[in-house]
Amino acid sequence: MHFVVTIFLSVYTLPGDNEWKRCPNPDQAWGYWEKYLSNLNTKFWGAPKQYTVQRQSSRNENFAFMNQGIQYVGVNMVAGPIDNRMEWADRHADNLAWIEQNVNDNFNNIHAIIIFGEFQLEGSCRTD
Protein backbone atom coordinates (compact mmCIF):
# COMPACT_ATOMS: atom_id res chain seq x y z
CA MET A 1 0.00 0.00 0.00
CA HIS A 2 1.37 3.43 -0.91
CA PHE A 3 0.67 6.56 1.02
CA VAL A 4 0.94 9.94 -0.61
CA VAL A 5 1.46 12.97 1.57
CA THR A 6 0.91 16.42 0.15
CA ILE A 7 2.75 19.23 1.85
CA PHE A 8 1.48 22.71 1.14
CA LEU A 9 4.38 24.56 2.73
CA SER A 10 7.48 25.37 0.73
CA VAL A 11 10.82 24.36 2.18
CA TYR A 12 13.69 26.83 2.06
CA THR A 13 17.29 25.69 2.53
CA LEU A 14 20.47 27.43 3.57
CA PRO A 15 23.95 25.95 3.65
CA GLY A 16 25.44 25.01 6.99
CA ASP A 17 28.99 24.14 7.96
CA ASN A 18 28.27 20.39 8.01
CA GLU A 19 26.96 20.48 4.44
CA TRP A 20 29.96 22.34 3.13
CA LYS A 21 32.74 23.91 5.22
CA ARG A 22 33.55 20.93 7.44
CA CYS A 23 33.52 18.38 4.62
CA PRO A 24 36.79 16.74 3.50
CA ASN A 25 36.35 18.31 0.05
CA PRO A 26 34.48 21.63 0.53
CA ASP A 27 34.44 22.48 -3.19
CA GLN A 28 32.80 19.16 -4.05
CA ALA A 29 30.41 19.51 -1.11
CA TRP A 30 29.38 22.99 -2.30
CA GLY A 31 28.71 21.58 -5.76
CA TYR A 32 26.47 18.91 -4.25
CA TRP A 33 24.69 21.54 -2.15
CA GLU A 34 24.03 23.67 -5.22
CA LYS A 35 22.85 20.67 -7.26
CA TYR A 36 20.58 19.02 -4.70
CA LEU A 37 19.59 21.64 -2.11
CA SER A 38 19.82 25.07 -3.71
CA ASN A 39 16.39 26.44 -4.63
CA LEU A 40 14.74 23.35 -3.15
CA ASN A 41 11.51 25.33 -2.80
CA THR A 42 11.19 25.51 -6.60
CA LYS A 43 11.90 21.82 -7.24
CA PHE A 44 8.86 20.31 -5.53
CA TRP A 45 6.45 23.18 -4.89
CA GLY A 46 4.90 25.76 -7.13
CA ALA A 47 5.47 29.43 -6.52
CA PRO A 48 3.64 30.63 -3.41
CA LYS A 49 0.52 32.63 -4.12
CA GLN A 50 0.76 34.79 -0.98
CA TYR A 51 4.25 36.20 -1.57
CA THR A 52 7.14 36.42 -4.02
CA VAL A 53 10.46 34.84 -3.17
CA GLN A 54 13.48 36.93 -4.12
CA ARG A 55 17.03 35.62 -4.54
CA GLN A 56 20.18 37.70 -4.21
CA SER A 57 21.84 37.90 -7.63
CA SER A 58 25.37 37.55 -6.23
CA ARG A 59 24.41 34.74 -3.79
CA ASN A 60 21.55 32.64 -5.08
CA GLU A 61 21.39 30.73 -1.79
CA ASN A 62 20.21 33.92 -0.03
CA PHE A 63 16.46 34.44 -0.19
CA ALA A 64 13.83 36.83 1.09
CA PHE A 65 10.09 37.31 1.08
CA MET A 66 7.42 39.40 2.81
CA ASN A 67 4.31 37.72 4.13
CA GLN A 68 1.62 39.31 6.29
CA GLY A 69 3.89 42.11 7.53
CA ILE A 70 6.79 39.81 8.36
CA GLN A 71 10.04 40.12 6.41
CA TYR A 72 11.85 36.78 6.10
CA VAL A 73 15.51 36.84 5.07
CA GLY A 74 17.77 33.80 4.67
CA VAL A 75 21.53 34.31 4.46
CA ASN A 76 24.54 32.06 4.01
CA MET A 77 26.08 32.59 7.44
CA VAL A 78 27.85 29.41 8.48
CA ALA A 79 29.94 28.48 11.46
CA GLY A 80 33.05 26.40 11.02
CA PRO A 81 36.64 27.11 10.10
CA ILE A 82 37.56 30.29 8.25
CA ASP A 83 39.72 28.91 5.45
CA ASN A 84 39.64 32.06 3.35
CA ARG A 85 39.22 35.34 5.22
CA MET A 86 38.51 37.30 2.02
CA GLU A 87 35.69 34.93 0.99
CA TRP A 88 34.29 35.02 4.54
CA ALA A 89 34.37 38.85 4.61
CA ASP A 90 32.82 39.09 1.12
CA ARG A 91 30.03 36.64 2.05
CA HIS A 92 29.22 38.58 5.21
CA ALA A 93 29.23 41.89 3.33
CA ASP A 94 26.83 40.39 0.77
CA ASN A 95 24.62 39.08 3.59
CA LEU A 96 24.47 42.48 5.27
CA ALA A 97 23.69 44.20 1.95
CA TRP A 98 20.90 41.65 1.31
CA ILE A 99 19.35 42.22 4.71
CA GLU A 100 19.58 46.01 4.37
CA GLN A 101 18.11 45.94 0.84
CA ASN A 102 15.08 43.93 1.91
CA VAL A 103 14.44 45.96 5.05
CA ASN A 104 14.79 49.22 3.12
CA ASP A 105 12.54 48.00 0.28
CA ASN A 106 9.76 47.00 2.67
CA PHE A 107 10.40 49.30 5.64
CA ASN A 108 6.94 50.87 5.78
CA ASN A 109 5.21 47.47 5.74
CA ILE A 110 7.39 45.50 8.16
CA HIS A 111 5.97 44.58 11.56
CA ALA A 112 8.69 42.02 12.32
CA ILE A 113 11.76 40.55 10.67
CA ILE A 114 13.06 37.00 10.86
CA ILE A 115 16.60 36.34 9.69
CA PHE A 116 17.68 32.76 9.00
CA GLY A 117 21.26 31.55 9.01
CA GLU A 118 23.41 29.00 10.76
CA PHE A 119 25.97 30.50 13.07
CA GLN A 120 26.93 29.89 16.66
CA LEU A 121 28.13 32.88 18.56
CA GLU A 122 31.23 32.11 20.56
CA GLY A 123 30.27 31.09 24.07
CA SER A 124 26.54 30.98 23.27
CA CYS A 125 26.16 27.21 23.64
CA ARG A 126 27.68 24.74 26.00
CA THR A 127 29.65 22.03 24.28
CA ASP A 128 30.25 19.79 27.30
Foldseek 3Di string as FASTA:
>chain_A
DDDDDDDQDFDADEDECVQAVPDPDRVVSVVVCCVPPQPSRVPPHPADPQWHKDADPVHRSWIWIDGPQEIETEAAQYDDDDPDVVVNVVRVVSRVVRVVVRCVVCVVRHPYYHYDYYDDDVPPDDDD
